[in-house]
C-alpha atoms as a PDB file:
ATOM      1  CA  MET A   1     -15.018  24.131  25.954  1.00  0.00           C
ATOM      2  CA  SER A   2     -13.071  27.212  26.990  1.00  0.00           C
ATOM      3  CA  ALA A   3     -11.054  29.244  24.509  1.00  0.00           C
ATOM      4  CA  GLU A   4      -7.933  28.403  26.496  1.00  0.00           C
ATOM      5  CA  ASN A   5      -8.515  24.647  26.261  1.00  0.00           C
ATOM      6  CA  GLU A   6      -9.338  24.892  22.564  1.00  0.00           C
ATOM      7  CA  LEU A   7      -6.059  26.730  21.990  1.00  0.00           C
ATOM      8  CA  ILE A   8      -4.181  23.964  23.786  1.00  0.00           C
ATOM      9  CA  LEU A   9      -5.807  21.337  21.576  1.00  0.00           C
ATOM     10  CA  LEU A  10      -5.016  23.303  18.432  1.00  0.00           C
ATOM     11  CA  THR A  11      -1.405  23.524  19.525  1.00  0.00           C
ATOM     12  CA  PHE A  12      -1.273  19.721  19.351  1.00  0.00           C
ATOM     13  CA  PHE A  13      -3.096  19.732  16.002  1.00  0.00           C
ATOM     14  CA  SER A  14      -6.263  18.316  17.522  1.00  0.00           C
ATOM     15  CA  ILE A  15      -9.720  19.695  18.156  1.00  0.00           C
ATOM     16  CA  ILE A  16     -12.843  18.114  19.601  1.00  0.00           C
ATOM     17  CA  ARG A  17     -16.271  19.110  18.245  1.00  0.00           C
ATOM     18  CA  GLU A  18     -19.864  18.039  18.642  1.00  0.00           C
ATOM     19  CA  VAL A  19     -21.644  17.648  15.296  1.00  0.00           C
ATOM     20  CA  LYS A  20     -25.275  16.510  15.260  1.00  0.00           C
ATOM     21  CA  ASN A  21     -24.959  14.713  18.596  1.00  0.00           C
ATOM     22  CA  ILE A  22     -21.744  12.959  17.566  1.00  0.00           C
ATOM     23  CA  ILE A  23     -18.555  13.840  19.387  1.00  0.00           C
ATOM     24  CA  ILE A  24     -15.640  13.847  16.984  1.00  0.00           C
ATOM     25  CA  LYS A  25     -11.989  14.613  17.449  1.00  0.00           C
ATOM     26  CA  ILE A  26     -10.114  16.121  14.522  1.00  0.00           C
ATOM     27  CA  GLU A  27      -6.365  15.651  14.368  1.00  0.00           C
ATOM     28  CA  ARG A  28      -4.072  17.507  11.986  1.00  0.00           C
ATOM     29  CA  VAL A  29      -0.806  15.695  11.319  1.00  0.00           C
ATOM     30  CA  PRO A  30       1.800  16.025   8.565  1.00  0.00           C
ATOM     31  CA  LEU A  31       1.735  13.347   5.895  1.00  0.00           C
ATOM     32  CA  LYS A  32       5.480  12.880   6.195  1.00  0.00           C
ATOM     33  CA  GLY A  33       6.030  10.336   8.929  1.00  0.00           C
ATOM     34  CA  ASN A  34       2.362   9.324   8.907  1.00  0.00           C
ATOM     35  CA  GLU A  35       2.118   7.797   5.451  1.00  0.00           C
ATOM     36  CA  LYS A  36       0.739   4.530   6.818  1.00  0.00           C
ATOM     37  CA  LEU A  37      -2.347   6.339   8.186  1.00  0.00           C
ATOM     38  CA  LEU A  38      -3.245   7.487   4.679  1.00  0.00           C
ATOM     39  CA  ILE A  39      -2.486   4.179   2.966  1.00  0.00           C
ATOM     40  CA  ASP A  40      -4.417   2.102   5.514  1.00  0.00           C
ATOM     41  CA  PHE A  41      -7.458   4.405   5.344  1.00  0.00           C
ATOM     42  CA  TRP A  42      -7.525   4.292   1.546  1.00  0.00           C
ATOM     43  CA  ILE A  43      -7.164   0.524   1.305  1.00  0.00           C
ATOM     44  CA  ASP A  44      -9.778  -0.053   4.030  1.00  0.00           C
ATOM     45  CA  TYR A  45     -12.462   2.365   2.903  1.00  0.00           C
ATOM     46  CA  ILE A  46     -12.094   3.835  -0.591  1.00  0.00           C
ATOM     47  CA  SER A  47     -13.085   0.727  -2.506  1.00  0.00           C
ATOM     48  CA  ASP A  48     -14.687   2.537  -5.458  1.00  0.00           C
ATOM     49  CA  TRP A  49     -11.329   4.005  -6.500  1.00  0.00           C
ATOM     50  CA  LYS A  50      -8.916   1.088  -6.352  1.00  0.00           C
ATOM     51  CA  ILE A  51      -5.258   1.975  -6.486  1.00  0.00           C
ATOM     52  CA  ASP A  52      -2.159  -0.091  -5.831  1.00  0.00           C
ATOM     53  CA  SER A  53      -0.969   0.784  -2.323  1.00  0.00           C
ATOM     54  CA  ASN A  54       2.523   1.234  -3.757  1.00  0.00           C
ATOM     55  CA  ASN A  55       1.214   3.959  -6.074  1.00  0.00           C
ATOM     56  CA  ILE A  56      -0.586   6.164  -3.551  1.00  0.00           C
ATOM     57  CA  LEU A  57       2.525   7.971  -2.372  1.00  0.00           C
ATOM     58  CA  PRO A  58       4.382   8.357  -5.707  1.00  0.00           C
ATOM     59  CA  PHE A  59       1.516  10.426  -7.109  1.00  0.00           C
ATOM     60  CA  LEU A  60       1.818  12.623  -3.990  1.00  0.00           C
ATOM     61  CA  GLN A  61       5.571  13.028  -4.274  1.00  0.00           C
ATOM     62  CA  PRO A  62       5.716  16.549  -5.781  1.00  0.00           C
ATOM     63  CA  ALA A  63       3.784  17.933  -2.795  1.00  0.00           C
ATOM     64  CA  VAL A  64       4.724  15.593   0.042  1.00  0.00           C
ATOM     65  CA  GLU A  65       6.490  18.231   2.152  1.00  0.00           C
ATOM     66  CA  ASN A  66       3.353  20.406   2.231  1.00  0.00           C
ATOM     67  CA  VAL A  67       0.604  17.802   2.645  1.00  0.00           C
ATOM     68  CA  TRP A  68      -1.386  17.467   5.885  1.00  0.00           C
ATOM     69  CA  LEU A  69      -3.843  14.841   7.041  1.00  0.00           C
ATOM     70  CA  TYR A  70      -7.007  15.912   8.852  1.00  0.00           C
ATOM     71  CA  MET A  71      -8.456  12.846  10.534  1.00  0.00           C
ATOM     72  CA  ALA A  72     -11.857  12.764  12.242  1.00  0.00           C
ATOM     73  CA  TYR A  73     -12.344  10.205  15.034  1.00  0.00           C
ATOM     74  CA  ASN A  74     -15.592   9.035  16.627  1.00  0.00           C
ATOM     75  CA  ASN A  75     -15.086   6.699  19.605  1.00  0.00           C
ATOM     76  CA  ASP A  76     -11.496   6.063  18.473  1.00  0.00           C
ATOM     77  CA  GLU A  77     -12.710   5.040  14.989  1.00  0.00           C
ATOM     78  CA  CYS A  78     -11.373   7.106  12.114  1.00  0.00           C
ATOM     79  CA  CYS A  79     -14.587   8.176  10.394  1.00  0.00           C
ATOM     80  CA  GLY A  80     -13.328  10.781   7.956  1.00  0.00           C
ATOM     81  CA  LEU A  81     -10.197  12.037   6.244  1.00  0.00           C
ATOM     82  CA  LEU A  82      -9.212  15.222   4.454  1.00  0.00           C
ATOM     83  CA  VAL A  83      -5.861  15.331   2.654  1.00  0.00           C
ATOM     84  CA  ASN A  84      -4.751  18.894   2.018  1.00  0.00           C
ATOM     85  CA  GLU A  85      -1.780  20.590   0.390  1.00  0.00           C
ATOM     86  CA  GLU A  86      -0.890  23.837   2.132  1.00  0.00           C
ATOM     87  CA  GLY A  87       1.829  26.199   0.945  1.00  0.00           C
ATOM     88  CA  SER A  88       2.427  28.176  -2.225  1.00  0.00           C
ATOM     89  CA  THR A  89      -0.316  25.943  -3.641  1.00  0.00           C
ATOM     90  CA  ASN A  90      -3.403  25.047  -1.603  1.00  0.00           C
ATOM     91  CA  ALA A  91      -5.430  22.072  -2.782  1.00  0.00           C
ATOM     92  CA  ILE A  92      -7.788  19.421  -1.454  1.00  0.00           C
ATOM     93  CA  TRP A  93      -6.468  16.047  -2.542  1.00  0.00           C
ATOM     94  CA  LEU A  94      -9.120  13.944  -0.818  1.00  0.00           C
ATOM     95  CA  LEU A  95     -12.191  14.396   1.388  1.00  0.00           C
ATOM     96  CA  TYR A  96     -13.950  11.221   2.493  1.00  0.00           C
ATOM     97  CA  VAL A  97     -16.415  10.387   5.280  1.00  0.00           C
ATOM     98  CA  LEU A  98     -17.549   6.839   6.038  1.00  0.00           C
ATOM     99  CA  PRO A  99     -20.950   6.272   4.362  1.00  0.00           C
ATOM    100  CA  HIS A 100     -22.902   5.454   7.544  1.00  0.00           C
ATOM    101  CA  LEU A 101     -21.766   8.725   9.164  1.00  0.00           C
ATOM    102  CA  ARG A 102     -22.425  11.104   6.291  1.00  0.00           C
ATOM    103  CA  ARG A 103     -24.815  14.072   6.544  1.00  0.00           C
ATOM    104  CA  LYS A 104     -23.898  14.523  10.178  1.00  0.00           C
ATOM    105  CA  GLY A 105     -21.544  17.482   9.758  1.00  0.00           C
ATOM    106  CA  ILE A 106     -18.266  15.555   9.806  1.00  0.00           C
ATOM    107  CA  GLY A 107     -17.269  16.629   6.291  1.00  0.00           C
ATOM    108  CA  SER A 108     -18.066  20.258   7.100  1.00  0.00           C
ATOM    109  CA  ALA A 109     -16.063  20.053  10.317  1.00  0.00           C
ATOM    110  CA  LEU A 110     -13.044  18.675   8.437  1.00  0.00           C
ATOM    111  CA  LEU A 111     -13.397  21.293   5.720  1.00  0.00           C
ATOM    112  CA  ASN A 112     -13.688  24.186   8.152  1.00  0.00           C
ATOM    113  CA  ARG A 113     -10.726  22.927  10.156  1.00  0.00           C
ATOM    114  CA  ALA A 114      -8.587  22.853   7.014  1.00  0.00           C
ATOM    115  CA  LEU A 115      -9.956  26.220   5.874  1.00  0.00           C
ATOM    116  CA  SER A 116      -8.521  27.826   8.989  1.00  0.00           C
ATOM    117  CA  MET A 117      -5.034  26.977   7.667  1.00  0.00           C
ATOM    118  CA  ILE A 118      -5.580  28.260   4.116  1.00  0.00           C
ATOM    119  CA  ASN A 119      -4.229  31.588   2.927  1.00  0.00           C
ATOM    120  CA  GLY A 120      -5.253  32.456  -0.620  1.00  0.00           C
ATOM    121  CA  VAL A 121      -6.867  30.409  -3.367  1.00  0.00           C
ATOM    122  CA  TRP A 122      -7.927  26.850  -2.489  1.00  0.00           C
ATOM    123  CA  ASN A 123      -7.993  24.442  -5.445  1.00  0.00           C
ATOM    124  CA  ALA A 124     -10.390  21.509  -5.661  1.00  0.00           C
ATOM    125  CA  GLY A 125      -8.415  18.534  -6.885  1.00  0.00           C
ATOM    126  CA  LYS A 126      -5.265  19.470  -8.708  1.00  0.00           C
ATOM    127  CA  GLY A 127      -2.427  20.849  -6.658  1.00  0.00           C
ATOM    128  CA  SER A 128       1.298  20.312  -7.177  1.00  0.00           C
ATOM    129  CA  GLY A 129       0.211  16.820  -8.224  1.00  0.00           C
ATOM    130  CA  TYR A 130      -3.045  14.918  -7.948  1.00  0.00           C
ATOM    131  CA  TRP A 131      -4.903  11.648  -7.715  1.00  0.00           C
ATOM    132  CA  TRP A 132      -8.084  13.179  -9.123  1.00  0.00           C
ATOM    133  CA  GLN A 133      -7.412  16.236 -11.292  1.00  0.00           C
ATOM    134  CA  GLY A 134     -10.719  17.693 -10.101  1.00  0.00           C
ATOM    135  CA  VAL A 135     -13.769  16.594  -8.142  1.00  0.00           C
ATOM    136  CA  PRO A 136     -15.570  13.516  -9.563  1.00  0.00           C
ATOM    137  CA  ILE A 137     -19.030  14.618 -10.614  1.00  0.00           C
ATOM    138  CA  GLY A 138     -21.616  13.341  -8.162  1.00  0.00           C
ATOM    139  CA  LEU A 139     -18.990  12.537  -5.523  1.00  0.00           C
ATOM    140  CA  GLY A 140     -18.566  15.739  -3.577  1.00  0.00           C
ATOM    141  CA  ASP A 141     -18.952  18.531  -6.118  1.00  0.00           C
ATOM    142  CA  ASP A 142     -22.331  19.645  -4.721  1.00  0.00           C
ATOM    143  CA  PHE A 143     -20.966  19.548  -1.177  1.00  0.00           C
ATOM    144  CA  LEU A 144     -17.913  21.650  -2.017  1.00  0.00           C
ATOM    145  CA  GLY A 145     -20.066  24.008  -4.085  1.00  0.00           C
ATOM    146  CA  LYS A 146     -22.146  24.728  -0.985  1.00  0.00           C
ATOM    147  CA  HIS A 147     -18.935  25.542   0.850  1.00  0.00           C
ATOM    148  CA  GLY A 148     -17.782  28.224  -1.561  1.00  0.00           C
ATOM    149  CA  PHE A 149     -16.027  26.349  -4.358  1.00  0.00           C
ATOM    150  CA  GLU A 150     -16.794  27.617  -7.859  1.00  0.00           C
ATOM    151  CA  TRP A 151     -16.529  25.389 -10.925  1.00  0.00           C
ATOM    152  CA  SER A 152     -14.989  26.762 -14.107  1.00  0.00           C
ATOM    153  CA  TRP A 153     -14.785  23.766 -16.451  1.00  0.00           C
ATOM    154  CA  THR A 154     -14.984  19.976 -16.708  1.00  0.00           C
ATOM    155  CA  SER A 155     -12.128  17.587 -17.450  1.00  0.00           C
ATOM    156  CA  ILE A 156     -12.484  13.945 -18.415  1.00  0.00           C
ATOM    157  CA  ASP A 157     -10.640  10.633 -18.422  1.00  0.00           C
ATOM    158  CA  MET A 158     -11.212   8.325 -21.394  1.00  0.00           C
ATOM    159  CA  SER A 159     -10.531   4.670 -22.115  1.00  0.00           C
ATOM    160  CA  MET A 160     -10.794   2.033 -24.819  1.00  0.00           C
ATOM    161  CA  ASP A 161     -11.170  -1.733 -24.742  1.00  0.00           C
ATOM    162  CA  LEU A 162      -8.343  -2.715 -27.090  1.00  0.00           C
ATOM    163  CA  ASN A 163     -10.232  -5.855 -28.097  1.00  0.00           C
ATOM    164  CA  THR A 164     -12.383  -3.481 -30.159  1.00  0.00           C
ATOM    165  CA  TRP A 165      -9.384  -1.818 -31.810  1.00  0.00           C
ATOM    166  CA  SER A 166      -8.332  -2.874 -35.304  1.00  0.00           C
ATOM    167  CA  VAL A 167      -4.694  -2.044 -35.941  1.00  0.00           C
ATOM    168  CA  HIS A 168      -4.355   0.361 -38.856  1.00  0.00           C
ATOM    169  CA  SER A 169      -1.863   2.778 -40.306  1.00  0.00           C
ATOM    170  CA  PRO A 170      -1.599   6.416 -39.225  1.00  0.00           C
ATOM    171  CA  VAL A 171      -3.150   8.959 -41.553  1.00  0.00           C
ATOM    172  CA  ALA A 172      -0.268  11.444 -41.618  1.00  0.00           C
ATOM    173  CA  ASN A 173       2.873  11.231 -43.707  1.00  0.00           C
ATOM    174  CA  GLN A 174       5.203  12.189 -40.865  1.00  0.00           C
ATOM    175  CA  CYS A 175       7.657   9.618 -39.570  1.00  0.00           C
ATOM    176  CA  ILE A 176       6.572   8.455 -36.113  1.00  0.00           C
ATOM    177  CA  SER A 177       8.631   6.136 -33.944  1.00  0.00           C
ATOM    178  CA  LYS A 178      10.374   5.881 -30.593  1.00  0.00           C
ATOM    179  CA  ILE A 179      12.805   8.699 -29.930  1.00  0.00           C
ATOM    180  CA  ASN A 180      16.446   8.283 -30.953  1.00  0.00           C
ATOM    181  CA  LYS A 181      19.197   9.028 -28.442  1.00  0.00           C
ATOM    182  CA  ASP A 182      20.471  11.958 -30.491  1.00  0.00           C
ATOM    183  CA  GLU A 183      17.023  13.597 -30.508  1.00  0.00           C
ATOM    184  CA  THR A 184      16.587  14.129 -26.779  1.00  0.00           C
ATOM    185  CA  ILE A 185      17.893  17.707 -26.699  1.00  0.00           C
ATOM    186  CA  GLN A 186      15.753  18.630 -29.691  1.00  0.00           C
ATOM    187  CA  LEU A 187      12.658  17.214 -27.965  1.00  0.00           C
ATOM    188  CA  ILE A 188      13.232  19.216 -24.775  1.00  0.00           C
ATOM    189  CA  ASN A 189      13.883  22.365 -26.809  1.00  0.00           C
ATOM    190  CA  MET A 190      10.591  21.861 -28.658  1.00  0.00           C
ATOM    191  CA  LEU A 191       8.675  21.464 -25.410  1.00  0.00           C
ATOM    192  CA  GLU A 192      10.291  24.542 -23.872  1.00  0.00           C
ATOM    193  CA  ASP A 193       9.552  26.641 -26.952  1.00  0.00           C
ATOM    194  CA  GLU A 194       5.854  25.774 -27.146  1.00  0.00           C
ATOM    195  CA  LYS A 195       3.544  27.568 -24.693  1.00  0.00           C
ATOM    196  CA  GLU A 196       1.041  24.699 -24.590  1.00  0.00           C
ATOM    197  CA  LEU A 197       3.699  21.996 -24.166  1.00  0.00           C
ATOM    198  CA  CYS A 198       6.238  23.511 -21.757  1.00  0.00           C
ATOM    199  CA  LYS A 199       4.324  22.171 -18.723  1.00  0.00           C
ATOM    200  CA  TRP A 200       5.488  18.671 -19.696  1.00  0.00           C
ATOM    201  CA  VAL A 201       9.232  19.381 -19.757  1.00  0.00           C
ATOM    202  CA  LEU A 202       9.901  17.856 -16.328  1.00  0.00           C
ATOM    203  CA  LEU A 203       7.877  14.713 -17.115  1.00  0.00           C
ATOM    204  CA  TYR A 204       9.783  14.065 -20.323  1.00  0.00           C
ATOM    205  CA  LYS A 205      13.121  14.867 -18.682  1.00  0.00           C
ATOM    206  CA  THR A 206      12.356  12.340 -15.944  1.00  0.00           C
ATOM    207  CA  LEU A 207      11.730   9.594 -18.502  1.00  0.00           C
ATOM    208  CA  LEU A 208      14.954  10.430 -20.313  1.00  0.00           C
ATOM    209  CA  GLU A 209      16.985  10.561 -17.107  1.00  0.00           C
ATOM    210  CA  ASP A 210      15.558   7.181 -16.097  1.00  0.00           C
ATOM    211  CA  ALA A 211      16.607   5.753 -19.479  1.00  0.00           C
ATOM    212  CA  ARG A 212      12.996   5.016 -20.410  1.00  0.00           C
ATOM    213  CA  ASN A 213      13.365   6.337 -23.939  1.00  0.00           C
ATOM    214  CA  GLU A 214      11.231   3.483 -25.237  1.00  0.00           C
ATOM    215  CA  LYS A 215       8.216   5.235 -23.666  1.00  0.00           C
ATOM    216  CA  ILE A 216       8.643   8.347 -25.816  1.00  0.00           C
ATOM    217  CA  PHE A 217       7.317   8.538 -29.363  1.00  0.00           C
ATOM    218  CA  VAL A 218       8.008  11.508 -31.628  1.00  0.00           C
ATOM    219  CA  ALA A 219       6.593  12.703 -34.927  1.00  0.00           C
ATOM    220  CA  ARG A 220       9.040  14.182 -37.417  1.00  0.00           C
ATOM    221  CA  GLU A 221       8.903  16.256 -40.531  1.00  0.00           C
ATOM    222  CA  GLY A 222      12.219  15.550 -42.126  1.00  0.00           C
ATOM    223  CA  ILE A 223      14.638  15.610 -39.213  1.00  0.00           C
ATOM    224  CA  LYS A 224      12.591  18.109 -37.197  1.00  0.00           C
ATOM    225  CA  ILE A 225      10.506  16.882 -34.253  1.00  0.00           C
ATOM    226  CA  VAL A 226       7.012  18.336 -34.564  1.00  0.00           C
ATOM    227  CA  GLY A 227       5.052  16.251 -32.039  1.00  0.00           C
ATOM    228  CA  CYS A 228       5.411  13.805 -29.183  1.00  0.00           C
ATOM    229  CA  ALA A 229       3.530  11.493 -26.824  1.00  0.00           C
ATOM    230  CA  MET A 230       4.234   9.094 -23.966  1.00  0.00           C
ATOM    231  CA  LEU A 231       3.362   5.413 -23.814  1.00  0.00           C
ATOM    232  CA  LEU A 232       2.116   4.656 -20.282  1.00  0.00           C
ATOM    233  CA  ASP A 233       2.025   1.346 -18.419  1.00  0.00           C
ATOM    234  CA  GLU A 234       0.133   0.183 -15.326  1.00  0.00           C
ATOM    235  CA  LYS A 235       2.187   2.090 -12.767  1.00  0.00           C
ATOM    236  CA  ASP A 236       1.540   5.319 -14.668  1.00  0.00           C
ATOM    237  CA  ILE A 237      -2.258   4.862 -14.705  1.00  0.00           C
ATOM    238  CA  ARG A 238      -3.825   5.880 -11.403  1.00  0.00           C
ATOM    239  CA  TRP A 239      -6.976   3.824 -11.837  1.00  0.00           C
ATOM    240  CA  SER A 240      -5.614   0.782 -13.676  1.00  0.00           C
ATOM    241  CA  MET A 241      -6.985  -1.523 -10.951  1.00  0.00           C
ATOM    242  CA  ASN A 242     -10.532  -0.437 -11.853  1.00  0.00           C
ATOM    243  CA  PHE A 243     -10.203  -2.323 -15.142  1.00  0.00           C
ATOM    244  CA  SER A 244     -10.397  -6.076 -15.593  1.00  0.00           C
ATOM    245  CA  GLY A 245      -7.176  -6.438 -17.586  1.00  0.00           C
ATOM    246  CA  ARG A 246      -3.768  -4.886 -18.235  1.00  0.00           C
ATOM    247  CA  THR A 247      -4.176  -1.149 -18.651  1.00  0.00           C
ATOM    248  CA  GLY A 248      -1.702   1.136 -20.392  1.00  0.00           C
ATOM    249  CA  GLY A 249      -2.297   4.484 -21.943  1.00  0.00           C
ATOM    250  CA  ILE A 250      -1.288   7.617 -23.802  1.00  0.00           C
ATOM    251  CA  GLY A 251      -0.036  10.727 -22.051  1.00  0.00           C
ATOM    252  CA  CYS A 252       1.332  14.217 -22.716  1.00  0.00           C
ATOM    253  CA  LEU A 253       0.455  14.208 -26.414  1.00  0.00           C
ATOM    254  CA  GLY A 254       1.209  17.456 -28.197  1.00  0.00           C
ATOM    255  CA  VAL A 255       2.072  18.971 -31.560  1.00  0.00           C
ATOM    256  CA  ARG A 256       3.928  22.172 -32.418  1.00  0.00           C
ATOM    257  CA  LYS A 257       1.346  24.910 -32.954  1.00  0.00           C
ATOM    258  CA  HIS A 258       2.573  25.655 -36.481  1.00  0.00           C
ATOM    259  CA  TYR A 259       2.065  21.985 -37.476  1.00  0.00           C
ATOM    260  CA  GLN A 260      -1.362  21.389 -35.950  1.00  0.00           C
ATOM    261  CA  LYS A 261      -4.421  20.379 -37.987  1.00  0.00           C
ATOM    262  CA  ASN A 262      -2.294  18.290 -40.328  1.00  0.00           C
ATOM    263  CA  GLY A 263      -3.150  14.864 -38.881  1.00  0.00           C
ATOM    264  CA  ILE A 264      -0.016  14.606 -36.735  1.00  0.00           C
ATOM    265  CA  GLY A 265      -1.903  14.271 -33.445  1.00  0.00           C
ATOM    266  CA  ALA A 266      -4.171  11.648 -34.972  1.00  0.00           C
ATOM    267  CA  ALA A 267      -1.133   9.747 -36.251  1.00  0.00           C
ATOM    268  CA  LEU A 268       0.367   9.742 -32.748  1.00  0.00           C
ATOM    269  CA  VAL A 269      -2.869   8.429 -31.202  1.00  0.00           C
ATOM    270  CA  ILE A 270      -3.118   5.654 -33.774  1.00  0.00           C
ATOM    271  CA  THR A 271       0.575   4.708 -33.480  1.00  0.00           C
ATOM    272  CA  LEU A 272       0.503   4.482 -29.689  1.00  0.00           C
ATOM    273  CA  THR A 273      -2.835   2.656 -29.587  1.00  0.00           C
ATOM    274  CA  ASN A 274      -1.396   0.139 -32.061  1.00  0.00           C
ATOM    275  CA  GLU A 275       1.670  -0.245 -29.834  1.00  0.00           C
ATOM    276  CA  LEU A 276      -0.401  -0.822 -26.701  1.00  0.00           C
ATOM    277  CA  LYS A 277      -2.344  -3.579 -28.423  1.00  0.00           C
ATOM    278  CA  TYR A 278       0.873  -5.111 -29.771  1.00  0.00           C
ATOM    279  CA  LEU A 279       2.340  -5.135 -26.233  1.00  0.00           C
ATOM    280  CA  GLY A 280      -0.636  -7.102 -24.946  1.00  0.00           C
ATOM    281  CA  PHE A 281      -2.542  -4.434 -23.038  1.00  0.00           C
ATOM    282  CA  ASP A 282      -6.284  -4.939 -22.696  1.00  0.00           C
ATOM    283  CA  TYR A 283      -7.205  -1.287 -22.222  1.00  0.00           C
ATOM    284  CA  SER A 284      -5.831   2.091 -23.211  1.00  0.00           C
ATOM    285  CA  TYR A 285      -6.418   5.022 -20.856  1.00  0.00           C
ATOM    286  CA  ILE A 286      -6.160   8.763 -21.461  1.00  0.00           C
ATOM    287  CA  GLY A 287      -6.291  10.961 -18.364  1.00  0.00           C
ATOM    288  CA  TYR A 288      -7.027  14.646 -17.811  1.00  0.00           C
ATOM    289  CA  THR A 289      -8.258  15.862 -21.166  1.00  0.00           C
ATOM    290  CA  TRP A 290     -11.149  17.876 -22.536  1.00  0.00           C
ATOM    291  CA  LEU A 291     -10.901  16.629 -26.146  1.00  0.00           C
ATOM    292  CA  GLU A 292     -13.878  14.297 -25.822  1.00  0.00           C
ATOM    293  CA  ALA A 293     -15.055  14.474 -29.420  1.00  0.00           C
ATOM    294  CA  TRP A 294     -11.530  14.325 -30.854  1.00  0.00           C
ATOM    295  CA  TYR A 295     -10.430  11.194 -28.970  1.00  0.00           C
ATOM    296  CA  GLY A 296     -13.901   9.785 -29.524  1.00  0.00           C
ATOM    297  CA  ARG A 297     -13.125   9.645 -33.256  1.00  0.00           C
ATOM    298  CA  PHE A 298     -10.658   6.846 -32.528  1.00  0.00           C
ATOM    299  CA  GLY A 299     -13.000   4.826 -30.326  1.00  0.00           C
ATOM    300  CA  TYR A 300     -12.156   6.231 -26.887  1.00  0.00           C
ATOM    301  CA  ASN A 301     -15.083   6.650 -24.475  1.00  0.00           C
ATOM    302  CA  THR A 302     -15.414   8.909 -21.450  1.00  0.00           C
ATOM    303  CA  THR A 303     -14.825   7.000 -18.213  1.00  0.00           C
ATOM    304  CA  TYR A 304     -14.841   9.748 -15.564  1.00  0.00           C
ATOM    305  CA  ARG A 305     -15.824  13.423 -15.430  1.00  0.00           C
ATOM    306  CA  PHE A 306     -14.378  15.926 -13.005  1.00  0.00           C
ATOM    307  CA  LYS A 307     -15.338  19.475 -12.079  1.00  0.00           C
ATOM    308  CA  MET A 308     -12.401  21.868 -11.993  1.00  0.00           C
ATOM    309  CA  GLY A 309     -12.527  24.860  -9.693  1.00  0.00           C
ATOM    310  CA  GLN A 310     -11.358  26.718  -6.647  1.00  0.00           C
ATOM    311  CA  ARG A 311     -12.435  28.634  -3.570  1.00  0.00           C
ATOM    312  CA  MET A 312     -11.239  32.216  -3.372  1.00  0.00           C
END
């Protein structure tokens, strides 16, 4: 193929390559306007990570304007997909090749095609949002490692079968309950003031603006809010369809630094786990944490492990 012809193909976001005797065509198209391509591919092929088709795009929403689809075709069959965020943040959201066509260079071709559009650090997993916060261990981490990604730490998702949970009282003396309407400003101020909690301001504001106050629990010392957590339902849990019953969870749990190590976090976990069982959920899910031993004290078990890293 001449350089001139290759340039023409690139202009139309498409390139044809021969990889291990297989001719593939790679197309690069924006996600916006092509959402159905992504949804159909996921539903058809990614059976190990079941997700409600209505939930695929909402988790992408923070990055949708900067997300591109790289689609590999062999004889008009889509045989691989790379979903990539490109902009102020660069991140791989998904890289998948059909099982019967793996180890033939298709994944490398998709990766190299996307790499040509990257300027700066390239994150594996978490971008402006995420489906997987990192790369599931054993499902692509070795491949990406061979292509220059370096792993810095491991995050985990945890879960509990609530049939094994015996409702009991929190261990702390602080008052814990759903937030009152007159406490919303105080909650946001607490989050903004705490270095480890300020990343959750937008998430809590969204719940409050949507009048979903019943999802927010706060811990108080006197009239002062010293901790908080979110009660999650099925639409908030990415992988709820991978469980055999109703799956809720706990999210964005934090305590003011000055009040930590006083049992407040434990009291929040116990209170929200009690509430999930009371509401009839079968499982409780905690995503994107590293506190394996701490949550393990309450009966939560590690469900998934992810490598966190980037390519410089």
